[in-house]
Amino acid sequence: MKKAFKLTALTGAILLFVPSHFVLGQQQPPTGLARLQANIERITRSVNARWGIYIKCVETGEEIAINADETMDTMSVIKIPLMVEVFRQIETGKFALTDRVMMKESEKRPGTGVMRSLDENASLTIKDLITLMIIVSDNTATDMLFEKVGGTEPVNKLMQSYGFNTIKATGPTSVWFKALRESPDLWKFHTEGKTPFGLSSSREMGKLLERIQKGEAVSKKASEQMLQIMRGQVYSSRLPKYVTGFRLPHKTGDFLPYIGNDVGILESENRHVVISVFTARHNGIGPNMEDAIARIGEQVANFYGWRESAAK
């Protein structure tokens, strides 16, 4: 009996000094921001793709970065930097949001958008072009705006002036579609990456969104105008799909099933959370990848939504 008592006492003493996050040899689940990151990583493992993810709460400075510094193909997310350059040139007086342009038949582009379905000589304002480029990812509007600002070089110079060296406009949509038509193998076209439609790391695209949110992209007025346009986004099958309690101005980028990107800002009265999600090399079912991105948006919104309600 005495030996049994000593053994029990010794066992109790050992357990007393075992760190609290270990119980019976198992590690306790992480809490707080670490738990959010663990949940996001679990979602990424459910889809066979390369991921680049950057999340930042503007008010608290909290960040989650998962492969966030790899330069990846943005697809139509590159239209955000183009929009910023358009507003910069407007501020310098080169042209105005209310200026009108006529669409020529030769300017029509395939893929997403509605302008390719309009009659030749349709008259649209610069604001119309920006809006269509962002909310329905109109490729005709995109190339007309590239032409208006002087090509990709002004966009890239502006991004470099912000300190963003991975963000790079690589050409108008016409160049990408021409290369795509000439490629006999779409998977090879994607994986070789010889003709990306825009490049960026998820971190730097997220940092650009943060500048816009803070009113530091071009000007406070221009930044708010950009956010207002992005709030009208039509495509909602990714980040906004399961989000409640937040507005979510955002922009998608696509080459499904290989690439499905979405970047945006969760907006509430007291919280602004940047979410930048890039994917690549996915060869499964496109909607499955979209839903995984949607679940990431849900996790982030729930985390900060619960915090905000608990603080009241």
Protein backbone atom coordinates (compact mmCIF):
# COMPACT_ATOMS: atom_id res chain seq x y z
CA MET A 1 0.00 0.00 0.00
CA LYS A 2 2.84 2.38 0.85
CA LYS A 3 4.49 1.82 -2.57
CA ALA A 4 1.19 2.43 -4.35
CA PHE A 5 0.74 5.68 -2.43
CA LYS A 6 4.25 6.85 -3.35
CA LEU A 7 3.70 6.01 -7.02
CA THR A 8 0.39 7.89 -7.07
CA ALA A 9 1.95 10.90 -5.37
CA LEU A 10 4.88 10.85 -7.78
CA THR A 11 2.55 10.62 -10.79
CA GLY A 12 0.56 13.57 -9.47
CA ALA A 13 3.75 15.59 -9.01
CA ILE A 14 4.82 14.84 -12.59
CA LEU A 15 1.42 15.86 -13.97
CA LEU A 16 1.60 19.05 -11.93
CA PHE A 17 4.62 20.18 -13.94
CA VAL A 18 3.40 19.05 -17.39
CA PRO A 19 2.67 22.16 -19.52
CA SER A 20 -1.03 22.94 -19.62
CA HIS A 21 -1.26 22.56 -23.42
CA PHE A 22 -0.36 18.85 -23.19
CA VAL A 23 -2.84 16.32 -21.84
CA LEU A 24 -2.09 12.59 -22.09
CA GLY A 25 0.56 13.34 -24.69
CA GLN A 26 -1.79 15.36 -26.92
CA GLN A 27 -1.47 19.04 -27.72
CA GLN A 28 -4.49 21.19 -27.00
CA PRO A 29 -6.06 23.03 -29.97
CA PRO A 30 -4.63 26.51 -30.59
CA THR A 31 -6.65 29.53 -29.55
CA GLY A 32 -7.20 33.03 -30.91
CA LEU A 33 -5.42 34.02 -34.13
CA ALA A 34 -3.45 30.75 -34.17
CA ARG A 35 -6.71 28.84 -34.22
CA LEU A 36 -8.00 30.95 -37.12
CA GLN A 37 -4.82 30.22 -39.07
CA ALA A 38 -5.07 26.50 -38.27
CA ASN A 39 -8.66 26.46 -39.55
CA ILE A 40 -7.64 28.23 -42.75
CA GLU A 41 -4.75 25.82 -43.31
CA ARG A 42 -7.15 22.92 -42.82
CA ILE A 43 -9.39 24.34 -45.55
CA THR A 44 -6.46 24.72 -47.95
CA ARG A 45 -5.53 21.07 -47.44
CA SER A 46 -9.00 20.06 -48.62
CA VAL A 47 -8.18 21.27 -52.14
CA ASN A 48 -5.17 20.21 -54.17
CA ALA A 49 -3.83 23.61 -55.20
CA ARG A 50 -1.04 26.04 -54.49
CA TRP A 51 -2.21 28.76 -52.14
CA GLY A 52 -1.04 32.26 -51.31
CA ILE A 53 -2.98 33.89 -48.47
CA TYR A 54 -2.56 37.19 -46.64
CA ILE A 55 -4.97 38.48 -43.99
CA LYS A 56 -4.61 41.63 -41.91
CA CYS A 57 -6.87 43.44 -39.46
CA VAL A 58 -6.15 47.11 -40.09
CA GLU A 59 -7.16 48.22 -36.58
CA THR A 60 -5.19 45.61 -34.58
CA GLY A 61 -2.31 44.94 -36.99
CA GLU A 62 -2.86 41.17 -36.66
CA GLU A 63 -1.65 39.22 -39.69
CA ILE A 64 -1.90 35.74 -41.11
CA ALA A 65 0.49 34.91 -43.94
CA ILE A 66 0.50 31.55 -45.71
CA ASN A 67 2.95 31.44 -48.63
CA ALA A 68 2.13 35.14 -48.84
CA ASP A 69 5.36 36.29 -50.51
CA GLU A 70 5.31 34.02 -53.56
CA THR A 71 4.64 35.90 -56.79
CA MET A 72 1.57 34.36 -58.41
CA ASP A 73 -0.66 34.94 -61.42
CA THR A 74 -3.31 37.49 -60.44
CA MET A 75 -5.55 37.11 -63.48
CA SER A 76 -8.22 39.83 -63.25
CA VAL A 77 -7.18 40.95 -59.76
CA ILE A 78 -4.56 43.04 -61.62
CA LYS A 79 -7.46 45.29 -62.61
CA ILE A 80 -7.29 46.83 -59.13
CA PRO A 81 -3.81 48.35 -59.70
CA LEU A 82 -5.02 49.53 -63.13
CA MET A 83 -8.01 51.21 -61.47
CA VAL A 84 -5.66 52.95 -59.02
CA GLU A 85 -3.55 54.31 -61.90
CA VAL A 86 -6.67 55.53 -63.71
CA PHE A 87 -7.66 57.53 -60.62
CA ARG A 88 -4.10 58.85 -60.26
CA GLN A 89 -4.19 60.23 -63.80
CA ILE A 90 -7.63 61.71 -63.18
CA GLU A 91 -6.21 63.56 -60.14
CA THR A 92 -3.44 65.02 -62.31
CA GLY A 93 -6.07 66.40 -64.70
CA LYS A 94 -5.28 64.18 -67.71
CA PHE A 95 -8.95 63.25 -68.07
CA ALA A 96 -12.12 63.05 -65.95
CA LEU A 97 -14.50 60.37 -64.72
CA THR A 98 -17.22 62.03 -66.79
CA ASP A 99 -15.26 62.00 -70.07
CA ARG A 100 -16.88 59.82 -72.72
CA VAL A 101 -15.28 57.29 -75.08
CA MET A 102 -16.72 55.43 -78.07
CA MET A 103 -16.18 51.70 -78.30
CA LYS A 104 -14.94 50.44 -81.65
CA GLU A 105 -15.73 46.96 -82.92
CA SER A 106 -11.99 46.18 -82.93
CA GLU A 107 -11.80 46.91 -79.20
CA LYS A 108 -14.18 44.13 -78.20
CA ARG A 109 -12.56 41.35 -76.17
CA PRO A 110 -13.67 37.79 -75.37
CA GLY A 111 -14.23 36.40 -71.89
CA THR A 112 -15.95 38.16 -69.03
CA GLY A 113 -17.93 41.35 -69.38
CA VAL A 114 -20.89 42.84 -71.24
CA MET A 115 -19.34 45.41 -73.58
CA ARG A 116 -18.58 42.81 -76.23
CA SER A 117 -22.36 42.39 -76.57
CA LEU A 118 -22.99 46.11 -77.17
CA ASP A 119 -23.28 47.80 -80.54
CA GLU A 120 -20.24 49.48 -82.03
CA ASN A 121 -19.89 53.15 -81.11
CA ALA A 122 -21.54 52.66 -77.74
CA SER A 123 -20.69 55.72 -75.63
CA LEU A 124 -19.48 55.21 -72.07
CA THR A 125 -17.87 57.41 -69.45
CA ILE A 126 -14.51 56.61 -67.88
CA LYS A 127 -16.41 55.85 -64.68
CA ASP A 128 -18.56 53.38 -66.64
CA LEU A 129 -15.41 51.63 -67.89
CA ILE A 130 -13.90 51.38 -64.40
CA THR A 131 -17.17 50.10 -62.95
CA LEU A 132 -17.61 47.44 -65.64
CA MET A 133 -13.95 46.40 -65.35
CA ILE A 134 -14.34 45.82 -61.60
CA ILE A 135 -17.88 44.56 -61.00
CA VAL A 136 -18.22 42.25 -64.03
CA SER A 137 -14.49 42.04 -64.85
CA ASP A 138 -15.13 43.40 -68.34
CA ASN A 139 -12.12 42.70 -70.57
CA THR A 140 -13.11 45.23 -73.24
CA ALA A 141 -13.29 47.97 -70.60
CA THR A 142 -9.94 46.80 -69.21
CA ASP A 143 -8.07 47.13 -72.48
CA MET A 144 -9.68 50.49 -73.21
CA LEU A 145 -8.43 51.72 -69.82
CA PHE A 146 -4.94 50.31 -70.43
CA GLU A 147 -4.96 52.30 -73.67
CA LYS A 148 -6.19 55.41 -71.84
CA VAL A 149 -3.42 55.40 -69.20
CA GLY A 150 -0.63 54.57 -71.66
CA GLY A 151 -0.23 50.80 -71.23
CA THR A 152 1.20 48.76 -68.41
CA GLU A 153 4.26 50.90 -67.63
CA PRO A 154 2.43 53.67 -65.72
CA VAL A 155 0.63 51.04 -63.62
CA ASN A 156 3.89 49.32 -62.74
CA LYS A 157 5.68 52.58 -61.96
CA LEU A 158 2.91 53.55 -59.54
CA MET A 159 3.07 50.17 -57.78
CA GLN A 160 6.86 50.50 -57.46
CA SER A 161 6.43 53.99 -55.98
CA TYR A 162 4.25 52.35 -53.32
CA GLY A 163 7.04 49.85 -52.63
CA PHE A 164 5.25 46.92 -54.26
CA ASN A 165 7.80 45.08 -56.37
CA THR A 166 5.82 41.90 -57.05
CA ILE A 167 2.73 43.69 -58.44
CA LYS A 168 3.16 43.85 -62.18
CA ALA A 169 0.73 44.42 -65.04
CA THR A 170 2.05 42.22 -67.84
CA GLY A 171 -0.12 43.33 -70.76
CA PRO A 172 -3.66 43.92 -71.94
CA THR A 173 -6.16 41.06 -72.11
CA SER A 174 -5.67 40.84 -75.88
CA VAL A 175 -2.10 39.55 -75.36
CA TRP A 176 -3.24 36.87 -72.92
CA PHE A 177 -6.10 35.66 -75.13
CA LYS A 178 -3.81 35.50 -78.18
CA ALA A 179 -1.30 33.35 -76.27
CA LEU A 180 -4.12 31.16 -74.97
CA ARG A 181 -5.52 30.56 -78.47
CA GLU A 182 -2.07 29.52 -79.70
CA SER A 183 -1.53 27.00 -76.89
CA PRO A 184 -2.57 23.38 -77.59
CA ASP A 185 -2.39 22.42 -73.90
CA LEU A 186 -4.12 24.58 -71.30
CA TRP A 187 -2.49 22.88 -68.29
CA LYS A 188 0.96 23.40 -69.82
CA PHE A 189 0.04 26.99 -70.69
CA HIS A 190 -0.80 27.60 -67.04
CA THR A 191 2.07 25.74 -65.37
CA GLU A 192 4.77 27.14 -67.66
CA GLY A 193 3.59 30.64 -66.77
CA LYS A 194 5.08 32.26 -69.87
CA THR A 195 2.09 34.58 -70.34
CA PRO A 196 0.57 35.46 -66.97
CA PHE A 197 -2.16 38.06 -66.85
CA GLY A 198 -0.73 40.11 -64.02
CA LEU A 199 1.62 39.14 -61.20
CA SER A 200 1.65 39.79 -57.46
CA SER A 201 2.19 38.20 -54.09
CA SER A 202 -0.93 37.88 -51.96
CA ARG A 203 0.77 40.06 -49.32
CA GLU A 204 1.45 43.01 -51.62
CA MET A 205 -2.02 42.90 -53.17
CA GLY A 206 -3.37 42.89 -49.62
CA LYS A 207 -1.15 45.86 -48.76
CA LEU A 208 -2.54 47.72 -51.78
CA LEU A 209 -6.06 47.09 -50.48
CA GLU A 210 -4.95 48.41 -47.09
CA ARG A 211 -3.75 51.63 -48.74
CA ILE A 212 -7.13 52.00 -50.42
CA GLN A 213 -8.95 51.34 -47.14
CA LYS A 214 -6.85 53.95 -45.32
CA GLY A 215 -7.44 56.55 -48.03
CA GLU A 216 -3.79 56.47 -49.06
CA ALA A 217 -4.17 55.23 -52.65
CA VAL A 218 -3.98 58.41 -54.77
CA SER A 219 -6.10 60.40 -52.28
CA LYS A 220 -8.79 59.93 -49.65
CA LYS A 221 -11.51 60.89 -52.13
CA ALA A 222 -10.18 58.61 -54.87
CA SER A 223 -9.77 55.72 -52.42
CA GLU A 224 -13.39 56.03 -51.30
CA GLN A 225 -14.56 56.14 -54.92
CA MET A 226 -12.60 52.94 -55.62
CA LEU A 227 -14.11 51.20 -52.59
CA GLN A 228 -17.58 52.28 -53.63
CA ILE A 229 -17.08 50.72 -57.06
CA MET A 230 -15.72 47.50 -55.54
CA ARG A 231 -18.76 47.26 -53.23
CA GLY A 232 -20.86 46.72 -56.36
CA GLN A 233 -19.04 43.49 -57.26
CA VAL A 234 -21.44 41.06 -58.97
CA TYR A 235 -19.52 37.80 -58.46
CA SER A 236 -20.19 36.44 -54.96
CA SER A 237 -19.33 32.72 -55.09
CA ARG A 238 -16.03 33.12 -53.20
CA LEU A 239 -15.13 35.39 -50.27
CA PRO A 240 -18.62 36.87 -49.68
CA LYS A 241 -20.57 33.61 -50.05
CA TYR A 242 -20.93 32.74 -46.35
CA VAL A 243 -20.10 36.14 -44.82
CA THR A 244 -22.63 37.95 -42.64
CA GLY A 245 -22.27 41.15 -40.64
CA PHE A 246 -19.73 42.74 -43.00
CA ARG A 247 -19.70 44.52 -46.34
CA LEU A 248 -17.07 43.10 -48.64
CA PRO A 249 -15.77 45.18 -51.55
CA HIS A 250 -13.68 42.72 -53.55
CA LYS A 251 -12.29 41.63 -56.93
CA THR A 252 -12.00 38.15 -58.38
CA GLY A 253 -9.52 36.70 -60.88
CA ASP A 254 -10.09 33.54 -62.92
CA PHE A 255 -8.58 30.89 -65.11
CA LEU A 256 -10.69 27.99 -63.87
CA PRO A 257 -10.12 25.29 -62.93
CA TYR A 258 -6.44 26.19 -62.50
CA ILE A 259 -6.72 29.64 -60.88
CA GLY A 260 -9.46 31.14 -58.72
CA ASN A 261 -8.46 34.30 -56.85
CA ASP A 262 -10.37 36.75 -54.68
CA VAL A 263 -9.18 39.77 -52.70
CA GLY A 264 -11.23 42.18 -50.63
CA ILE A 265 -11.87 43.99 -47.35
CA LEU A 266 -14.30 42.95 -44.63
CA GLU A 267 -15.93 46.21 -43.53
CA SER A 268 -17.91 46.87 -40.36
CA GLU A 269 -18.29 49.84 -38.04
CA ASN A 270 -15.16 49.02 -36.03
CA ARG A 271 -13.24 46.50 -38.11
CA HIS A 272 -11.59 46.43 -41.53
CA VAL A 273 -9.91 43.15 -42.43
CA VAL A 274 -7.96 42.68 -45.65
CA ILE A 275 -8.22 39.22 -47.21
CA SER A 276 -6.06 38.32 -50.21
CA VAL A 277 -6.37 34.77 -51.56
CA PHE A 278 -4.48 33.50 -54.62
CA THR A 279 -4.48 29.95 -56.00
CA ALA A 280 -2.64 28.09 -58.75
CA ARG A 281 -2.12 24.62 -60.22
CA HIS A 282 -5.58 23.40 -59.30
CA ASN A 283 -6.78 20.71 -61.67
CA GLY A 284 -9.96 19.60 -59.93
CA ILE A 285 -13.52 20.93 -59.93
CA GLY A 286 -13.58 24.74 -60.05
CA PRO A 287 -16.61 25.21 -57.74
CA ASN A 288 -14.87 23.13 -55.05
CA MET A 289 -11.97 25.56 -55.00
CA GLU A 290 -14.36 28.50 -55.01
CA ASP A 291 -16.16 27.04 -52.01
CA ALA A 292 -12.86 26.58 -50.15
CA ILE A 293 -12.14 30.30 -50.68
CA ALA A 294 -15.65 31.05 -49.44
CA ARG A 295 -15.01 29.01 -46.28
CA ILE A 296 -11.85 31.03 -45.65
CA GLY A 297 -13.91 34.23 -45.88
CA GLU A 298 -16.43 32.71 -43.48
CA GLN A 299 -13.75 31.80 -40.93
CA VAL A 300 -12.25 35.29 -40.94
CA ALA A 301 -15.64 37.01 -40.75
CA ASN A 302 -16.79 34.78 -37.90
CA PHE A 303 -13.56 35.34 -35.96
CA TYR A 304 -13.69 39.13 -36.14
CA GLY A 305 -17.47 39.30 -35.96
CA TRP A 306 -17.50 37.35 -32.71
CA ARG A 307 -14.72 39.52 -31.28
CA GLU A 308 -16.60 42.68 -32.18
CA SER A 309 -19.86 41.47 -30.63
CA ALA A 310 -18.06 40.23 -27.50
CA ALA A 311 -16.46 43.66 -27.00
CA LYS A 312 -19.84 45.44 -26.89
